[in-house]
Amino acid sequence: MKISREFLLNELRKSGYNFKRETKKVEIWKQKGQTKRVTISKGNSYEPEFVKMVLRQVGRSDEDINKILSEK
């Protein structure tokens, strides 16, 4: 089961991240006032393991991630 790009972007926004800039293949999202950044590829959908990795990087707990993905 792949997870849509829009779903991942919405979760990034909920975690306080905003779009910063893009290159040909990736987008960089940054949390306001912080130096932490997250880089995601410009695909239309993502494997669940990639989504878990990104959500961990933005500080979501494993319990929260599993709950989010089980609702999907």
Protein backbone atom coordinates (compact mmCIF):
# COMPACT_ATOMS: atom_id res chain seq x y z
CA MET A 1 0.00 0.00 0.00
CA LYS A 2 1.50 3.33 -1.06
CA ILE A 3 0.79 6.56 0.76
CA SER A 4 -0.16 9.67 -1.16
CA ARG A 5 2.07 12.70 -1.39
CA GLU A 6 -0.72 14.98 -0.16
CA PHE A 7 -1.14 12.87 2.97
CA LEU A 8 2.59 13.18 3.79
CA LEU A 9 2.62 16.92 3.13
CA ASN A 10 -0.41 17.42 5.41
CA GLU A 11 1.37 15.53 8.19
CA LEU A 12 4.46 17.71 7.73
CA ARG A 13 2.31 20.83 8.04
CA LYS A 14 0.64 19.45 11.19
CA SER A 15 4.14 19.00 12.65
CA GLY A 16 4.96 22.67 12.05
CA TYR A 17 6.97 22.31 8.85
CA ASN A 18 6.65 24.65 5.87
CA PHE A 19 7.87 24.39 2.31
CA LYS A 20 11.28 26.06 2.00
CA ARG A 21 12.58 25.38 -1.52
CA GLU A 22 12.88 22.76 -4.22
CA THR A 23 15.33 21.29 -6.68
CA LYS A 24 14.58 19.17 -9.74
CA LYS A 25 14.07 16.00 -7.71
CA VAL A 26 13.40 16.96 -4.07
CA GLU A 27 11.64 19.46 -1.85
CA ILE A 28 13.07 20.84 1.37
CA TRP A 29 10.72 21.51 4.27
CA LYS A 30 11.81 23.46 7.36
CA GLN A 31 10.37 24.16 10.77
CA LYS A 32 10.06 27.89 11.42
CA GLY A 33 12.76 29.20 13.74
CA GLN A 34 14.65 25.91 13.68
CA THR A 35 17.57 24.57 11.68
CA LYS A 36 16.02 21.10 11.23
CA ARG A 37 15.10 20.29 7.65
CA VAL A 38 13.39 17.38 5.95
CA THR A 39 14.00 16.43 2.34
CA ILE A 40 11.40 14.49 0.39
CA SER A 41 11.41 13.32 -3.20
CA LYS A 42 8.84 14.65 -5.66
CA GLY A 43 7.01 11.37 -6.14
CA ASN A 44 3.23 10.99 -6.30
CA SER A 45 3.17 8.32 -3.62
CA TYR A 46 5.55 6.80 -1.08
CA GLU A 47 6.21 3.47 0.58
CA PRO A 48 5.05 3.28 4.22
CA GLU A 49 8.65 2.82 5.43
CA PHE A 50 9.68 6.12 3.82
CA VAL A 51 6.73 7.92 5.42
CA LYS A 52 7.64 6.45 8.82
CA MET A 53 11.23 7.65 8.40
CA VAL A 54 10.13 11.20 7.54
CA LEU A 55 7.63 11.37 10.40
CA ARG A 56 10.29 10.17 12.86
CA GLN A 57 12.61 12.92 11.59
CA VAL A 58 9.99 15.56 12.38
CA GLY A 59 9.59 14.25 15.93
CA ARG A 60 6.47 12.11 15.77
CA SER A 61 6.40 9.12 18.13
CA ASP A 62 6.23 5.54 16.85
CA GLU A 63 2.83 5.16 18.52
CA ASP A 64 1.53 8.28 16.76
CA ILE A 65 2.96 7.14 13.42
CA ASN A 66 1.40 3.69 13.68
CA LYS A 67 -1.97 5.25 14.55
CA ILE A 68 -1.75 7.64 11.58
CA LEU A 69 -0.83 4.86 9.15
CA SER A 70 -3.46 2.44 10.45
CA GLU A 71 -6.16 5.06 9.73
CA LYS A 72 -4.89 5.48 6.21
